[in-house]
Amino acid sequence: MAHISSELLGILRCPVTGSTLQQDGDELVATAPDAAGNTPRYSLAEGIPVMLRPADAATATAQESPTA
């Protein structure tokens, strides 16, 4: 599990809510819910926060998937 420093967490903000983030295992979690009441979560890829909005993350994942 990658550890994000408290200095970096102090700078990063959720791109959806603008709230601060907390680390929960291999994810960063927004400290405030979005307009729908969901709490945005962001993965860590090799220790690097992937700060894409949920719709953008789904698009990026679909583009990375191999096609048959």
C-alpha atoms as a PDB file:
ATOM      1  CA  MET A   1       0.000   0.000   0.000  1.00  0.00           C
ATOM      2  CA  ALA A   2       1.328   3.411  -0.997  1.00  0.00           C
ATOM      3  CA  HIS A   3       1.394   6.105   1.657  1.00  0.00           C
ATOM      4  CA  ILE A   4       0.516   9.659   0.629  1.00  0.00           C
ATOM      5  CA  SER A   5       2.287  12.264   2.759  1.00  0.00           C
ATOM      6  CA  SER A   6       0.254  14.621   4.926  1.00  0.00           C
ATOM      7  CA  GLU A   7       1.818  17.530   3.017  1.00  0.00           C
ATOM      8  CA  LEU A   8       0.433  16.252  -0.295  1.00  0.00           C
ATOM      9  CA  LEU A   9      -2.964  15.456   1.236  1.00  0.00           C
ATOM     10  CA  GLY A  10      -3.034  19.046   2.507  1.00  0.00           C
ATOM     11  CA  ILE A  11      -2.743  20.313  -1.074  1.00  0.00           C
ATOM     12  CA  LEU A  12      -4.943  17.868  -2.980  1.00  0.00           C
ATOM     13  CA  ARG A  13      -8.670  18.526  -3.351  1.00  0.00           C
ATOM     14  CA  CYS A  14     -11.465  16.388  -4.721  1.00  0.00           C
ATOM     15  CA  PRO A  15     -12.175  17.496  -8.316  1.00  0.00           C
ATOM     16  CA  VAL A  16     -15.904  16.876  -7.784  1.00  0.00           C
ATOM     17  CA  THR A  17     -16.612  18.415  -4.366  1.00  0.00           C
ATOM     18  CA  GLY A  18     -13.554  20.583  -3.748  1.00  0.00           C
ATOM     19  CA  SER A  19     -13.200  18.957  -0.321  1.00  0.00           C
ATOM     20  CA  THR A  20     -10.037  17.642   1.263  1.00  0.00           C
ATOM     21  CA  LEU A  21      -9.111  13.981   0.861  1.00  0.00           C
ATOM     22  CA  GLN A  22      -8.226  11.217   3.302  1.00  0.00           C
ATOM     23  CA  GLN A  23      -6.320   8.056   2.488  1.00  0.00           C
ATOM     24  CA  ASP A  24      -8.185   4.784   2.942  1.00  0.00           C
ATOM     25  CA  GLY A  25      -5.878   1.942   1.924  1.00  0.00           C
ATOM     26  CA  ASP A  26      -5.113   2.286  -1.790  1.00  0.00           C
ATOM     27  CA  GLU A  27      -7.706   5.006  -2.327  1.00  0.00           C
ATOM     28  CA  LEU A  28      -8.211   8.661  -1.536  1.00  0.00           C
ATOM     29  CA  VAL A  29     -11.684   9.489  -0.245  1.00  0.00           C
ATOM     30  CA  ALA A  30     -13.380  12.894  -0.351  1.00  0.00           C
ATOM     31  CA  THR A  31     -14.398  14.290   3.027  1.00  0.00           C
ATOM     32  CA  ALA A  32     -17.674  15.646   1.624  1.00  0.00           C
ATOM     33  CA  PRO A  33     -20.362  13.962  -0.488  1.00  0.00           C
ATOM     34  CA  ASP A  34     -21.178  15.008  -4.048  1.00  0.00           C
ATOM     35  CA  ALA A  35     -24.565  16.467  -5.094  1.00  0.00           C
ATOM     36  CA  ALA A  36     -26.064  12.953  -5.280  1.00  0.00           C
ATOM     37  CA  GLY A  37     -24.886  12.110  -1.756  1.00  0.00           C
ATOM     38  CA  ASN A  38     -22.096   9.773  -2.877  1.00  0.00           C
ATOM     39  CA  THR A  39     -18.580  10.007  -1.496  1.00  0.00           C
ATOM     40  CA  PRO A  40     -16.075  10.196  -4.369  1.00  0.00           C
ATOM     41  CA  ARG A  41     -13.120   7.784  -4.182  1.00  0.00           C
ATOM     42  CA  TYR A  42      -9.900   7.915  -6.207  1.00  0.00           C
ATOM     43  CA  SER A  43      -7.433   5.109  -6.765  1.00  0.00           C
ATOM     44  CA  LEU A  44      -3.677   5.204  -6.346  1.00  0.00           C
ATOM     45  CA  ALA A  45      -1.689   3.823  -9.284  1.00  0.00           C
ATOM     46  CA  GLU A  46       1.808   2.918  -8.104  1.00  0.00           C
ATOM     47  CA  GLY A  47       1.514   5.555  -5.390  1.00  0.00           C
ATOM     48  CA  ILE A  48       0.244   8.273  -7.743  1.00  0.00           C
ATOM     49  CA  PRO A  49      -3.270   9.637  -7.128  1.00  0.00           C
ATOM     50  CA  VAL A  50      -5.560   9.198 -10.151  1.00  0.00           C
ATOM     51  CA  MET A  51      -7.706  12.299  -9.754  1.00  0.00           C
ATOM     52  CA  LEU A  52     -10.226  11.786 -12.552  1.00  0.00           C
ATOM     53  CA  ARG A  53     -13.905  12.552 -12.145  1.00  0.00           C
ATOM     54  CA  PRO A  54     -15.894   9.276 -12.059  1.00  0.00           C
ATOM     55  CA  ALA A  55     -17.149   9.643 -15.678  1.00  0.00           C
ATOM     56  CA  ASP A  56     -13.613  10.423 -16.887  1.00  0.00           C
ATOM     57  CA  ALA A  57     -12.218   7.445 -14.970  1.00  0.00           C
ATOM     58  CA  ALA A  58     -14.751   5.107 -16.616  1.00  0.00           C
ATOM     59  CA  THR A  59     -13.761   6.419 -20.052  1.00  0.00           C
ATOM     60  CA  ALA A  60     -10.050   5.988 -19.313  1.00  0.00           C
ATOM     61  CA  THR A  61     -10.605   2.439 -18.064  1.00  0.00           C
ATOM     62  CA  ALA A  62     -12.613   1.547 -21.176  1.00  0.00           C
ATOM     63  CA  GLN A  63      -9.845   2.925 -23.423  1.00  0.00           C
ATOM     64  CA  GLU A  64      -7.197   0.852 -21.598  1.00  0.00           C
ATOM     65  CA  SER A  65      -9.133  -2.404 -21.973  1.00  0.00           C
ATOM     66  CA  PRO A  66      -7.791  -4.659 -24.729  1.00  0.00           C
ATOM     67  CA  THR A  67     -10.146  -5.325 -27.611  1.00  0.00           C
ATOM     68  CA  ALA A  68     -10.598  -8.728 -29.155  1.00  0.00           C
END
